[in-house]
Amino acid sequence: MEDAEQPGCSANDGRYEENIYELKLYVICDNQKSQIAFANLKDICDKYLEGKCHIEIIDLKKSPDLARLDQIVAVPTLIRKNYPGKKIVGDLSDQKKVMEVLDLRTPSFTGASNEKGSV
């Protein structure tokens, strides 16, 4: 996941396998809420997705035109690629809600802690 900090980098070093969760996080990199969302997403991937995720980070400050493609109206926004309508806006602190909204079902997810705070 260390490579995912740069826009366009992946959590699995570019290797694609079956059952990989394709995620796209729209951020503004110098925005604190975006940084928190990225840290929370890394935590979710480490705890529940067991390295089976590909994270594409899109900095809208550098590529604002990309927001139109996925109809992004606020940041941070996380979407699950190839699953229309599977998106969540906020700092991703409510891990259970993130997992449920994006339909990220894994054996290690049995109901992540429902922490207080915005999603």
PDB file of N, CA and C in Angstrom:
ATOM      1  N   MET A   1       0.811  -1.191   0.000  1.00  0.00           N
ATOM      2  CA  MET A   1       0.000   0.000   0.000  1.00  0.00           C
ATOM      3  C   MET A   1       0.857   1.258   0.000  1.00  0.00           C
ATOM      4  N   GLU A   2       2.122   1.140   0.326  1.00  0.00           N
ATOM      5  CA  GLU A   2       2.950   2.321   0.395  1.00  0.00           C
ATOM      6  C   GLU A   2       3.020   3.065  -0.928  1.00  0.00           C
ATOM      7  N   ASP A   3       2.901   2.372  -2.052  1.00  0.00           N
ATOM      8  CA  ASP A   3       2.947   3.017  -3.352  1.00  0.00           C
ATOM      9  C   ASP A   3       1.667   3.776  -3.676  1.00  0.00           C
ATOM     10  N   ALA A   4       0.596   3.521  -2.963  1.00  0.00           N
ATOM     11  CA  ALA A   4      -0.689   4.133  -3.272  1.00  0.00           C
ATOM     12  C   ALA A   4      -0.719   5.615  -2.937  1.00  0.00           C
ATOM     13  N   GLU A   5       0.318   6.138  -2.303  1.00  0.00           N
ATOM     14  CA  GLU A   5       0.312   7.539  -1.917  1.00  0.00           C
ATOM     15  C   GLU A   5       0.414   8.470  -3.117  1.00  0.00           C
ATOM     16  N   GLN A   6       0.931   8.008  -4.221  1.00  0.00           N
ATOM     17  CA  GLN A   6       1.052   8.842  -5.402  1.00  0.00           C
ATOM     18  C   GLN A   6      -0.137   8.609  -6.327  1.00  0.00           C
ATOM     19  N   PRO A   7      -0.653   9.666  -6.953  1.00  0.00           N
ATOM     20  CA  PRO A   7      -1.793   9.501  -7.856  1.00  0.00           C
ATOM     21  C   PRO A   7      -1.519   8.454  -8.922  1.00  0.00           C
ATOM     22  N   GLY A   8      -2.499   7.593  -9.119  1.00  0.00           N
ATOM     23  CA  GLY A   8      -2.405   6.568 -10.138  1.00  0.00           C
ATOM     24  C   GLY A   8      -1.670   5.321  -9.716  1.00  0.00           C
ATOM     25  N   CYS A   9      -1.077   5.304  -8.533  1.00  0.00           N
ATOM     26  CA  CYS A   9      -0.353   4.114  -8.088  1.00  0.00           C
ATOM     27  C   CYS A   9      -1.330   3.110  -7.506  1.00  0.00           C
ATOM     28  N   SER A  10      -0.904   1.874  -7.457  1.00  0.00           N
ATOM     29  CA  SER A  10      -1.806   0.840  -6.979  1.00  0.00           C
ATOM     30  C   SER A  10      -1.296   0.210  -5.705  1.00  0.00           C
ATOM     31  N   ALA A  11      -2.218  -0.362  -4.956  1.00  0.00           N
ATOM     32  CA  ALA A  11      -1.867  -1.031  -3.714  1.00  0.00           C
ATOM     33  C   ALA A  11      -1.245  -2.383  -3.970  1.00  0.00           C
ATOM     34  N   ASN A  12      -1.373  -2.911  -5.167  1.00  0.00           N
ATOM     35  CA  ASN A  12      -0.830  -4.244  -5.445  1.00  0.00           C
ATOM     36  C   ASN A  12       0.261  -4.184  -6.510  1.00  0.00           C
ATOM     37  N   ASP A  13       0.945  -3.059  -6.604  1.00  0.00           N
ATOM     38  CA  ASP A  13       2.065  -2.879  -7.526  1.00  0.00           C
ATOM     39  C   ASP A  13       1.710  -3.184  -8.976  1.00  0.00           C
ATOM     40  N   GLY A  14       0.469  -2.957  -9.379  1.00  0.00           N
ATOM     41  CA  GLY A  14       0.069  -3.137 -10.762  1.00  0.00           C
ATOM     42  C   GLY A  14      -0.306  -4.548 -11.150  1.00  0.00           C
ATOM     43  N   ARG A  15      -0.171  -5.496 -10.245  1.00  0.00           N
ATOM     44  CA  ARG A  15      -0.547  -6.874 -10.571  1.00  0.00           C
ATOM     45  C   ARG A  15      -2.051  -7.019 -10.383  1.00  0.00           C
ATOM     46  N   TYR A  16      -2.699  -7.579 -11.376  1.00  0.00           N
ATOM     47  CA  TYR A  16      -4.137  -7.797 -11.282  1.00  0.00           C
ATOM     48  C   TYR A  16      -4.396  -9.278 -11.097  1.00  0.00           C
ATOM     49  N   GLU A  17      -5.276  -9.602 -10.185  1.00  0.00           N
ATOM     50  CA  GLU A  17      -5.642 -10.992  -9.953  1.00  0.00           C
ATOM     51  C   GLU A  17      -7.151 -11.055  -9.789  1.00  0.00           C
ATOM     52  N   GLU A  18      -7.644 -12.264  -9.703  1.00  0.00           N
ATOM     53  CA  GLU A  18      -9.066 -12.436  -9.446  1.00  0.00           C
ATOM     54  C   GLU A  18      -9.400 -11.878  -8.076  1.00  0.00           C
ATOM     55  N   ASN A  19     -10.625 -11.430  -7.922  1.00  0.00           N
ATOM     56  CA  ASN A  19     -11.138 -10.941  -6.648  1.00  0.00           C
ATOM     57  C   ASN A  19     -10.374  -9.738  -6.106  1.00  0.00           C
ATOM     58  N   ILE A  20      -9.882  -8.908  -6.988  1.00  0.00           N
ATOM     59  CA  ILE A  20      -9.240  -7.665  -6.572  1.00  0.00           C
ATOM     60  C   ILE A  20     -10.318  -6.587  -6.528  1.00  0.00           C
ATOM     61  N   TYR A  21     -10.346  -5.843  -5.443  1.00  0.00           N
ATOM     62  CA  TYR A  21     -11.278  -4.731  -5.320  1.00  0.00           C
ATOM     63  C   TYR A  21     -10.641  -3.507  -5.972  1.00  0.00           C
ATOM     64  N   GLU A  22     -11.274  -3.004  -7.015  1.00  0.00           N
ATOM     65  CA  GLU A  22     -10.789  -1.835  -7.751  1.00  0.00           C
ATOM     66  C   GLU A  22     -11.423  -0.588  -7.132  1.00  0.00           C
ATOM     67  N   LEU A  23     -10.620   0.245  -6.495  1.00  0.00           N
ATOM     68  CA  LEU A  23     -11.110   1.430  -5.808  1.00  0.00           C
ATOM     69  C   LEU A  23     -10.453   2.678  -6.380  1.00  0.00           C
ATOM     70  N   LYS A  24     -11.226   3.753  -6.408  1.00  0.00           N
ATOM     71  CA  LYS A  24     -10.721   5.029  -6.904  1.00  0.00           C
ATOM     72  C   LYS A  24     -11.062   6.087  -5.858  1.00  0.00           C
ATOM     73  N   LEU A  25     -10.036   6.767  -5.338  1.00  0.00           N
ATOM     74  CA  LEU A  25     -10.229   7.794  -4.318  1.00  0.00           C
ATOM     75  C   LEU A  25      -9.922   9.159  -4.919  1.00  0.00           C
ATOM     76  N   TYR A  26     -10.956   9.991  -4.988  1.00  0.00           N
ATOM     77  CA  TYR A  26     -10.800  11.356  -5.470  1.00  0.00           C
ATOM     78  C   TYR A  26     -10.490  12.249  -4.278  1.00  0.00           C
ATOM     79  N   VAL A  27      -9.403  12.999  -4.376  1.00  0.00           N
ATOM     80  CA  VAL A  27      -8.948  13.838  -3.279  1.00  0.00           C
ATOM     81  C   VAL A  27      -8.438  15.171  -3.815  1.00  0.00           C
ATOM     82  N   ILE A  28      -8.176  16.062  -2.887  1.00  0.00           N
ATOM     83  CA  ILE A  28      -7.320  17.220  -3.123  1.00  0.00           C
ATOM     84  C   ILE A  28      -6.200  17.018  -2.115  1.00  0.00           C
ATOM     85  N   CYS A  29      -5.024  16.695  -2.609  1.00  0.00           N
ATOM     86  CA  CYS A  29      -3.944  16.175  -1.761  1.00  0.00           C
ATOM     87  C   CYS A  29      -3.560  17.062  -0.587  1.00  0.00           C
ATOM     88  N   ASP A  30      -3.667  18.390  -0.729  1.00  0.00           N
ATOM     89  CA  ASP A  30      -3.274  19.235   0.394  1.00  0.00           C
ATOM     90  C   ASP A  30      -4.444  19.525   1.340  1.00  0.00           C
ATOM     91  N   ASN A  31      -5.538  18.801   1.177  1.00  0.00           N
ATOM     92  CA  ASN A  31      -6.720  18.940   2.018  1.00  0.00           C
ATOM     93  C   ASN A  31      -6.651  17.917   3.154  1.00  0.00           C
ATOM     94  N   GLN A  32      -6.801  18.387   4.401  1.00  0.00           N
ATOM     95  CA  GLN A  32      -6.669  17.498   5.557  1.00  0.00           C
ATOM     96  C   GLN A  32      -7.684  16.356   5.536  1.00  0.00           C
ATOM     97  N   LYS A  33      -8.913  16.638   5.161  1.00  0.00           N
ATOM     98  CA  LYS A  33      -9.933  15.588   5.132  1.00  0.00           C
ATOM     99  C   LYS A  33      -9.581  14.509   4.099  1.00  0.00           C
ATOM    100  N   SER A  34      -8.999  14.917   2.973  1.00  0.00           N
ATOM    101  CA  SER A  34      -8.560  13.951   1.962  1.00  0.00           C
ATOM    102  C   SER A  34      -7.443  13.072   2.506  1.00  0.00           C
ATOM    103  N   GLN A  35      -6.520  13.664   3.249  1.00  0.00           N
ATOM    104  CA  GLN A  35      -5.422  12.898   3.837  1.00  0.00           C
ATOM    105  C   GLN A  35      -5.940  11.898   4.867  1.00  0.00           C
ATOM    106  N   ILE A  36      -6.924  12.313   5.650  1.00  0.00           N
ATOM    107  CA  ILE A  36      -7.533  11.411   6.631  1.00  0.00           C
ATOM    108  C   ILE A  36      -8.249  10.272   5.912  1.00  0.00           C
ATOM    109  N   ALA A  37      -8.960  10.597   4.841  1.00  0.00           N
ATOM    110  CA  ALA A  37      -9.669   9.562   4.074  1.00  0.00           C
ATOM    111  C   ALA A  37      -8.689   8.538   3.525  1.00  0.00           C
ATOM    112  N   PHE A  38      -7.554   8.996   3.012  1.00  0.00           N
ATOM    113  CA  PHE A  38      -6.560   8.070   2.478  1.00  0.00           C
ATOM    114  C   PHE A  38      -6.021   7.161   3.582  1.00  0.00           C
ATOM    115  N   ALA A  39      -5.716   7.732   4.740  1.00  0.00           N
ATOM    116  CA  ALA A  39      -5.220   6.924   5.864  1.00  0.00           C
ATOM    117  C   ALA A  39      -6.273   5.907   6.299  1.00  0.00           C
ATOM    118  N   ASN A  40      -7.531   6.327   6.356  1.00  0.00           N
ATOM    119  CA  ASN A  40      -8.605   5.405   6.734  1.00  0.00           C
ATOM    120  C   ASN A  40      -8.792   4.306   5.694  1.00  0.00           C
ATOM    121  N   LEU A  41      -8.665   4.655   4.419  1.00  0.00           N
ATOM    122  CA  LEU A  41      -8.786   3.651   3.361  1.00  0.00           C
ATOM    123  C   LEU A  41      -7.649   2.634   3.452  1.00  0.00           C
ATOM    124  N   LYS A  42      -6.435   3.099   3.707  1.00  0.00           N
ATOM    125  CA  LYS A  42      -5.306   2.177   3.880  1.00  0.00           C
ATOM    126  C   LYS A  42      -5.584   1.215   5.029  1.00  0.00           C
ATOM    127  N   ASP A  43      -6.145   1.740   6.114  1.00  0.00           N
ATOM    128  CA  ASP A  43      -6.469   0.908   7.273  1.00  0.00           C
ATOM    129  C   ASP A  43      -7.515  -0.144   6.913  1.00  0.00           C
ATOM    130  N   ILE A  44      -8.547   0.255   6.185  1.00  0.00           N
ATOM    131  CA  ILE A  44      -9.586  -0.685   5.749  1.00  0.00           C
ATOM    132  C   ILE A  44      -8.984  -1.769   4.864  1.00  0.00           C
ATOM    133  N   CYS A  45      -8.149  -1.359   3.919  1.00  0.00           N
ATOM    134  CA  CYS A  45      -7.526  -2.339   3.011  1.00  0.00           C
ATOM    135  C   CYS A  45      -6.638  -3.311   3.773  1.00  0.00           C
ATOM    136  N   ASP A  46      -5.866  -2.804   4.709  1.00  0.00           N
ATOM    137  CA  ASP A  46      -4.978  -3.670   5.490  1.00  0.00           C
ATOM    138  C   ASP A  46      -5.759  -4.633   6.377  1.00  0.00           C
ATOM    139  N   LYS A  47      -6.811  -4.132   7.025  1.00  0.00           N
ATOM    140  CA  LYS A  47      -7.576  -4.954   7.972  1.00  0.00           C
ATOM    141  C   LYS A  47      -8.515  -5.943   7.303  1.00  0.00           C
ATOM    142  N   TYR A  48      -9.210  -5.502   6.264  1.00  0.00           N
ATOM    143  CA  TYR A  48     -10.319  -6.294   5.750  1.00  0.00           C
ATOM    144  C   TYR A  48     -10.159  -6.807   4.322  1.00  0.00           C
ATOM    145  N   LEU A  49      -9.383  -6.137   3.512  1.00  0.00           N
ATOM    146  CA  LEU A  49      -9.265  -6.553   2.114  1.00  0.00           C
ATOM    147  C   LEU A  49      -8.010  -7.381   1.864  1.00  0.00           C
ATOM    148  N   GLU A  50      -7.206  -7.536   2.883  1.00  0.00           N
ATOM    149  CA  GLU A  50      -6.064  -8.454   2.874  1.00  0.00           C
ATOM    150  C   GLU A  50      -5.172  -8.280   1.652  1.00  0.00           C
ATOM    151  N   GLY A  51      -4.921  -7.036   1.285  1.00  0.00           N
ATOM    152  CA  GLY A  51      -4.042  -6.759   0.160  1.00  0.00           C
ATOM    153  C   GLY A  51      -4.664  -6.985  -1.202  1.00  0.00           C
ATOM    154  N   LYS A  52      -5.935  -7.341  -1.244  1.00  0.00           N
ATOM    155  CA  LYS A  52      -6.598  -7.622  -2.523  1.00  0.00           C
ATOM    156  C   LYS A  52      -7.338  -6.388  -3.010  1.00  0.00           C
ATOM    157  N   CYS A  53      -6.576  -5.301  -3.135  1.00  0.00           N
ATOM    158  CA  CYS A  53      -7.197  -4.080  -3.629  1.00  0.00           C
ATOM    159  C   CYS A  53      -6.214  -3.319  -4.507  1.00  0.00           C
ATOM    160  N   HIS A  54      -6.787  -2.599  -5.417  1.00  0.00           N
ATOM    161  CA  HIS A  54      -6.034  -1.702  -6.294  1.00  0.00           C
ATOM    162  C   HIS A  54      -6.630  -0.330  -6.050  1.00  0.00           C
ATOM    163  N   ILE A  55      -5.817   0.577  -5.545  1.00  0.00           N
ATOM    164  CA  ILE A  55      -6.295   1.919  -5.226  1.00  0.00           C
ATOM    165  C   ILE A  55      -5.696   2.909  -6.217  1.00  0.00           C
ATOM    166  N   GLU A  56      -6.568   3.632  -6.873  1.00  0.00           N
ATOM    167  CA  GLU A  56      -6.126   4.713  -7.749  1.00  0.00           C
ATOM    168  C   GLU A  56      -6.464   6.023  -7.052  1.00  0.00           C
ATOM    169  N   ILE A  57      -5.451   6.832  -6.792  1.00  0.00           N
ATOM    170  CA  ILE A  57      -5.643   8.121  -6.143  1.00  0.00           C
ATOM    171  C   ILE A  57      -5.669   9.190  -7.228  1.00  0.00           C
ATOM    172  N   ILE A  58      -6.721   9.995  -7.232  1.00  0.00           N
ATOM    173  CA  ILE A  58      -6.845  11.053  -8.230  1.00  0.00           C
ATOM    174  C   ILE A  58      -6.907  12.395  -7.504  1.00  0.00           C
ATOM    175  N   ASP A  59      -5.890  13.198  -7.710  1.00  0.00           N
ATOM    176  CA  ASP A  59      -5.814  14.532  -7.126  1.00  0.00           C
ATOM    177  C   ASP A  59      -6.521  15.502  -8.071  1.00  0.00           C
ATOM    178  N   LEU A  60      -7.680  15.967  -7.659  1.00  0.00           N
ATOM    179  CA  LEU A  60      -8.480  16.836  -8.524  1.00  0.00           C
ATOM    180  C   LEU A  60      -7.866  18.218  -8.707  1.00  0.00           C
ATOM    181  N   LYS A  61      -6.905  18.557  -7.885  1.00  0.00           N
ATOM    182  CA  LYS A  61      -6.190  19.817  -8.089  1.00  0.00           C
ATOM    183  C   LYS A  61      -5.324  19.719  -9.345  1.00  0.00           C
ATOM    184  N   LYS A  62      -4.799  18.523  -9.602  1.00  0.00           N
ATOM    185  CA  LYS A  62      -3.954  18.296 -10.776  1.00  0.00           C
ATOM    186  C   LYS A  62      -4.766  17.887 -12.003  1.00  0.00           C
ATOM    187  N   SER A  63      -5.878  17.189 -11.782  1.00  0.00           N
ATOM    188  CA  SER A  63      -6.690  16.671 -12.898  1.00  0.00           C
ATOM    189  C   SER A  63      -8.173  16.919 -12.648  1.00  0.00           C
ATOM    190  N   PRO A  64      -8.609  18.181 -12.634  1.00  0.00           N
ATOM    191  CA  PRO A  64     -10.009  18.478 -12.314  1.00  0.00           C
ATOM    192  C   PRO A  64     -11.004  17.914 -13.319  1.00  0.00           C
ATOM    193  N   ASP A  65     -10.574  17.744 -14.560  1.00  0.00           N
ATOM    194  CA  ASP A  65     -11.471  17.225 -15.594  1.00  0.00           C
ATOM    195  C   ASP A  65     -11.911  15.787 -15.319  1.00  0.00           C
ATOM    196  N   LEU A  66     -11.152  15.044 -14.524  1.00  0.00           N
ATOM    197  CA  LEU A  66     -11.508  13.653 -14.237  1.00  0.00           C
ATOM    198  C   LEU A  66     -12.732  13.533 -13.324  1.00  0.00           C
ATOM    199  N   ALA A  67     -13.083  14.602 -12.631  1.00  0.00           N
ATOM    200  CA  ALA A  67     -14.246  14.573 -11.740  1.00  0.00           C
ATOM    201  C   ALA A  67     -15.534  14.307 -12.513  1.00  0.00           C
ATOM    202  N   ARG A  68     -15.609  14.806 -13.734  1.00  0.00           N
ATOM    203  CA  ARG A  68     -16.816  14.618 -14.541  1.00  0.00           C
ATOM    204  C   ARG A  68     -17.073  13.158 -14.871  1.00  0.00           C
ATOM    205  N   LEU A  69     -16.032  12.402 -15.103  1.00  0.00           N
ATOM    206  CA  LEU A  69     -16.185  10.998 -15.505  1.00  0.00           C
ATOM    207  C   LEU A  69     -16.989  10.183 -14.498  1.00  0.00           C
ATOM    208  N   ASP A  70     -16.716  10.393 -13.216  1.00  0.00           N
ATOM    209  CA  ASP A  70     -17.410   9.639 -12.170  1.00  0.00           C
ATOM    210  C   ASP A  70     -18.411  10.496 -11.404  1.00  0.00           C
ATOM    211  N   GLN A  71     -18.746  11.654 -11.961  1.00  0.00           N
ATOM    212  CA  GLN A  71     -19.733  12.560 -11.366  1.00  0.00           C
ATOM    213  C   GLN A  71     -19.380  12.892  -9.914  1.00  0.00           C
ATOM    214  N   ILE A  72     -18.159  13.340  -9.702  1.00  0.00           N
ATOM    215  CA  ILE A  72     -17.674  13.702  -8.372  1.00  0.00           C
ATOM    216  C   ILE A  72     -18.059  15.147  -8.092  1.00  0.00           C
ATOM    217  N   VAL A  73     -18.757  15.364  -6.977  1.00  0.00           N
ATOM    218  CA  VAL A  73     -19.183  16.713  -6.610  1.00  0.00           C
ATOM    219  C   VAL A  73     -18.565  17.179  -5.299  1.00  0.00           C
ATOM    220  N   ALA A  74     -17.892  16.285  -4.581  1.00  0.00           N
ATOM    221  CA  ALA A  74     -17.254  16.629  -3.313  1.00  0.00           C
ATOM    222  C   ALA A  74     -16.052  15.711  -3.110  1.00  0.00           C
ATOM    223  N   VAL A  75     -15.108  16.185  -2.322  1.00  0.00           N
ATOM    224  CA  VAL A  75     -13.952  15.352  -1.979  1.00  0.00           C
ATOM    225  C   VAL A  75     -13.793  15.323  -0.467  1.00  0.00           C
ATOM    226  N   PRO A  76     -13.275  14.244   0.027  1.00  0.00           N
ATOM    227  CA  PRO A  76     -12.880  13.026  -0.670  1.00  0.00           C
ATOM    228  C   PRO A  76     -14.086  12.165  -1.040  1.00  0.00           C
ATOM    229  N   THR A  77     -13.980  11.493  -2.179  1.00  0.00           N
ATOM    230  CA  THR A  77     -14.994  10.537  -2.627  1.00  0.00           C
ATOM    231  C   THR A  77     -14.294   9.249  -3.025  1.00  0.00           C
ATOM    232  N   LEU A  78     -14.811   8.138  -2.512  1.00  0.00           N
ATOM    233  CA  LEU A  78     -14.285   6.817  -2.853  1.00  0.00           C
ATOM    234  C   LEU A  78     -15.325   6.091  -3.680  1.00  0.00           C
ATOM    235  N   ILE A  79     -14.903   5.537  -4.805  1.00  0.00           N
ATOM    236  CA  ILE A  79     -15.821   4.741  -5.617  1.00  0.00           C
ATOM    237  C   ILE A  79     -15.236   3.352  -5.824  1.00  0.00           C
ATOM    238  N   ARG A  80     -16.122   2.412  -6.037  1.00  0.00           N
ATOM    239  CA  ARG A  80     -15.710   1.065  -6.424  1.00  0.00           C
ATOM    240  C   ARG A  80     -15.895   0.976  -7.929  1.00  0.00           C
ATOM    241  N   LYS A  81     -14.790   0.804  -8.629  1.00  0.00           N
ATOM    242  CA  LYS A  81     -14.835   0.762 -10.089  1.00  0.00           C
ATOM    243  C   LYS A  81     -15.641  -0.435 -10.571  1.00  0.00           C
ATOM    244  N   ASN A  82     -16.294  -0.238 -11.695  1.00  0.00           N
ATOM    245  CA  ASN A  82     -17.108  -1.263 -12.357  1.00  0.00           C
ATOM    246  C   ASN A  82     -18.355  -1.646 -11.563  1.00  0.00           C
ATOM    247  N   TYR A  83     -18.714  -0.849 -10.577  1.00  0.00           N
ATOM    248  CA  TYR A  83     -19.939  -1.052  -9.809  1.00  0.00           C
ATOM    249  C   TYR A  83     -20.671   0.281  -9.756  1.00  0.00           C
ATOM    250  N   PRO A  84     -21.504   0.585 -10.757  1.00  0.00           N
ATOM    251  CA  PRO A  84     -22.193   1.875 -10.811  1.00  0.00           C
ATOM    252  C   PRO A  84     -22.953   2.171  -9.519  1.00  0.00           C
ATOM    253  N   GLY A  85     -22.831   3.397  -9.076  1.00  0.00           N
ATOM    254  CA  GLY A  85     -23.543   3.826  -7.884  1.00  0.00           C
ATOM    255  C   GLY A  85     -22.858   3.480  -6.584  1.00  0.00           C
ATOM    256  N   LYS A  86     -21.763   2.758  -6.632  1.00  0.00           N
ATOM    257  CA  LYS A  86     -21.050   2.388  -5.407  1.00  0.00           C
ATOM    258  C   LYS A  86     -20.018   3.464  -5.115  1.00  0.00           C
ATOM    259  N   LYS A  87     -20.448   4.489  -4.366  1.00  0.00           N
ATOM    260  CA  LYS A  87     -19.536   5.570  -3.997  1.00  0.00           C
ATOM    261  C   LYS A  87     -19.909   6.096  -2.632  1.00  0.00           C
ATOM    262  N   ILE A  88     -18.916   6.642  -1.957  1.00  0.00           N
ATOM    263  CA  ILE A  88     -19.129   7.188  -0.628  1.00  0.00           C
ATOM    264  C   ILE A  88     -18.271   8.444  -0.484  1.00  0.00           C
ATOM    265  N   VAL A  89     -18.842   9.467   0.140  1.00  0.00           N
ATOM    266  CA  VAL A  89     -18.173  10.751   0.315  1.00  0.00           C
ATOM    267  C   VAL A  89     -17.853  10.944   1.787  1.00  0.00           C
ATOM    268  N   GLY A  90     -16.667  11.445   2.082  1.00  0.00           N
ATOM    269  CA  GLY A  90     -16.302  11.755   3.458  1.00  0.00           C
ATOM    270  C   GLY A  90     -14.932  11.219   3.810  1.00  0.00           C
ATOM    271  N   ASP A  91     -14.615  11.240   5.107  1.00  0.00           N
ATOM    272  CA  ASP A  91     -13.271  10.853   5.537  1.00  0.00           C
ATOM    273  C   ASP A  91     -13.102   9.351   5.765  1.00  0.00           C
ATOM    274  N   LEU A  92     -14.141   8.565   5.502  1.00  0.00           N
ATOM    275  CA  LEU A  92     -14.102   7.093   5.546  1.00  0.00           C
ATOM    276  C   LEU A  92     -13.817   6.548   6.941  1.00  0.00           C
ATOM    277  N   SER A  93     -14.143   7.318   7.974  1.00  0.00           N
ATOM    278  CA  SER A  93     -13.865   6.880   9.343  1.00  0.00           C
ATOM    279  C   SER A  93     -14.832   5.806   9.836  1.00  0.00           C
ATOM    280  N   ASP A  94     -16.014   5.725   9.251  1.00  0.00           N
ATOM    281  CA  ASP A  94     -16.975   4.683   9.627  1.00  0.00           C
ATOM    282  C   ASP A  94     -16.717   3.464   8.736  1.00  0.00           C
ATOM    283  N   GLN A  95     -15.820   2.596   9.195  1.00  0.00           N
ATOM    284  CA  GLN A  95     -15.371   1.471   8.377  1.00  0.00           C
ATOM    285  C   GLN A  95     -16.508   0.540   7.986  1.00  0.00           C
ATOM    286  N   LYS A  96     -17.420   0.305   8.891  1.00  0.00           N
ATOM    287  CA  LYS A  96     -18.547  -0.582   8.593  1.00  0.00           C
ATOM    288  C   LYS A  96     -19.379  -0.020   7.440  1.00  0.00           C
ATOM    289  N   LYS A  97     -19.648   1.274   7.494  1.00  0.00           N
ATOM    290  CA  LYS A  97     -20.451   1.892   6.440  1.00  0.00           C
ATOM    291  C   LYS A  97     -19.721   1.852   5.098  1.00  0.00           C
ATOM    292  N   VAL A  98     -18.422   2.105   5.102  1.00  0.00           N
ATOM    293  CA  VAL A  98     -17.636   2.047   3.864  1.00  0.00           C
ATOM    294  C   VAL A  98     -17.732   0.656   3.260  1.00  0.00           C
ATOM    295  N   MET A  99     -17.518  -0.370   4.080  1.00  0.00           N
ATOM    296  CA  MET A  99     -17.558  -1.755   3.598  1.00  0.00           C
ATOM    297  C   MET A  99     -18.938  -2.101   3.039  1.00  0.00           C
ATOM    298  N   GLU A 100     -19.992  -1.654   3.722  1.00  0.00           N
ATOM    299  CA  GLU A 100     -21.353  -1.986   3.290  1.00  0.00           C
ATOM    300  C   GLU A 100     -21.769  -1.211   2.041  1.00  0.00           C
ATOM    301  N   VAL A 101     -21.518   0.097   2.013  1.00  0.00           N
ATOM    302  CA  VAL A 101     -21.931   0.915   0.869  1.00  0.00           C
ATOM    303  C   VAL A 101     -21.238   0.455  -0.410  1.00  0.00           C
ATOM    304  N   LEU A 102     -19.957   0.111  -0.310  1.00  0.00           N
ATOM    305  CA  LEU A 102     -19.208  -0.319  -1.493  1.00  0.00           C
ATOM    306  C   LEU A 102     -19.311  -1.816  -1.735  1.00  0.00           C
ATOM    307  N   ASP A 103     -20.058  -2.511  -0.886  1.00  0.00           N
ATOM    308  CA  ASP A 103     -20.252  -3.958  -1.012  1.00  0.00           C
ATOM    309  C   ASP A 103     -18.908  -4.691  -1.059  1.00  0.00           C
ATOM    310  N   LEU A 104     -18.054  -4.377  -0.093  1.00  0.00           N
ATOM    311  CA  LEU A 104     -16.738  -5.003   0.020  1.00  0.00           C
ATOM    312  C   LEU A 104     -16.837  -6.137   1.032  1.00  0.00           C
ATOM    313  N   ARG A 105     -17.169  -7.294   0.566  1.00  0.00           N
ATOM    314  CA  ARG A 105     -17.374  -8.444   1.449  1.00  0.00           C
ATOM    315  C   ARG A 105     -16.169  -9.366   1.414  1.00  0.00           C
ATOM    316  N   THR A 106     -15.572  -9.575   2.565  1.00  0.00           N
ATOM    317  CA  THR A 106     -14.449 -10.498   2.694  1.00  0.00           C
ATOM    318  C   THR A 106     -14.652 -11.335   3.943  1.00  0.00           C
ATOM    319  N   PRO A 107     -14.000 -12.495   4.033  1.00  0.00           N
ATOM    320  CA  PRO A 107     -14.124 -13.326   5.234  1.00  0.00           C
ATOM    321  C   PRO A 107     -13.679 -12.602   6.501  1.00  0.00           C
ATOM    322  N   SER A 108     -12.707 -11.694   6.387  1.00  0.00           N
ATOM    323  CA  SER A 108     -12.210 -11.005   7.582  1.00  0.00           C
ATOM    324  C   SER A 108     -13.124  -9.869   8.030  1.00  0.00           C
ATOM    325  N   PHE A 109     -14.112  -9.509   7.203  1.00  0.00           N
ATOM    326  CA  PHE A 109     -15.042  -8.455   7.593  1.00  0.00           C
ATOM    327  C   PHE A 109     -16.285  -9.081   8.192  1.00  0.00           C
ATOM    328  N   THR A 110     -16.429  -8.905   9.475  1.00  0.00           N
ATOM    329  CA  THR A 110     -17.615  -9.426  10.152  1.00  0.00           C
ATOM    330  C   THR A 110     -18.383  -8.292  10.804  1.00  0.00           C
ATOM    331  N   GLY A 111     -18.136  -7.086  10.308  1.00  0.00           N
ATOM    332  CA  GLY A 111     -18.791  -5.913  10.871  1.00  0.00           C
ATOM    333  C   GLY A 111     -17.762  -5.042  11.544  1.00  0.00           C
ATOM    334  N   ALA A 112     -17.062  -4.267  10.757  1.00  0.00           N
ATOM    335  CA  ALA A 112     -16.027  -3.378  11.288  1.00  0.00           C
ATOM    336  C   ALA A 112     -16.625  -2.479  12.347  1.00  0.00           C
ATOM    337  N   SER A 113     -15.789  -2.029  13.241  1.00  0.00           N
ATOM    338  CA  SER A 113     -16.261  -1.167  14.319  1.00  0.00           C
ATOM    339  C   SER A 113     -16.916   0.068  13.732  1.00  0.00           C
ATOM    340  N   ASN A 114     -18.037   0.418  14.272  1.00  0.00           N
ATOM    341  CA  ASN A 114     -18.774   1.581  13.802  1.00  0.00           C
ATOM    342  C   ASN A 114     -18.340   2.784  14.625  1.00  0.00           C
ATOM    343  N   GLU A 115     -17.244   3.398  14.203  1.00  0.00           N
ATOM    344  CA  GLU A 115     -16.700   4.522  14.933  1.00  0.00           C
ATOM    345  C   GLU A 115     -17.523   5.765  14.650  1.00  0.00           C
ATOM    346  N   LYS A 116     -17.545   6.661  15.620  1.00  0.00           N
ATOM    347  CA  LYS A 116     -18.251   7.926  15.450  1.00  0.00           C
ATOM    348  C   LYS A 116     -17.493   8.801  14.471  1.00  0.00           C
ATOM    349  N   GLY A 117     -18.189   9.683  13.828  1.00  0.00           N
ATOM    350  CA  GLY A 117     -17.554  10.615  12.901  1.00  0.00           C
ATOM    351  C   GLY A 117     -18.223  10.549  11.550  1.00  0.00           C
ATOM    352  N   SER A 118     -17.791  11.421  10.684  1.00  0.00           N
ATOM    353  CA  SER A 118     -18.374  11.417   9.348  1.00  0.00           C
ATOM    354  C   SER A 118     -17.797  10.281   8.546  1.00  0.00           C
ATOM    355  N   VAL A 119     -18.512   9.911   7.518  1.00  0.00           N
ATOM    356  CA  VAL A 119     -18.068   8.825   6.664  1.00  0.00           C
ATOM    357  C   VAL A 119     -17.052   9.405   5.778  1.00  0.00           C
TER     358      VAL A 119
END
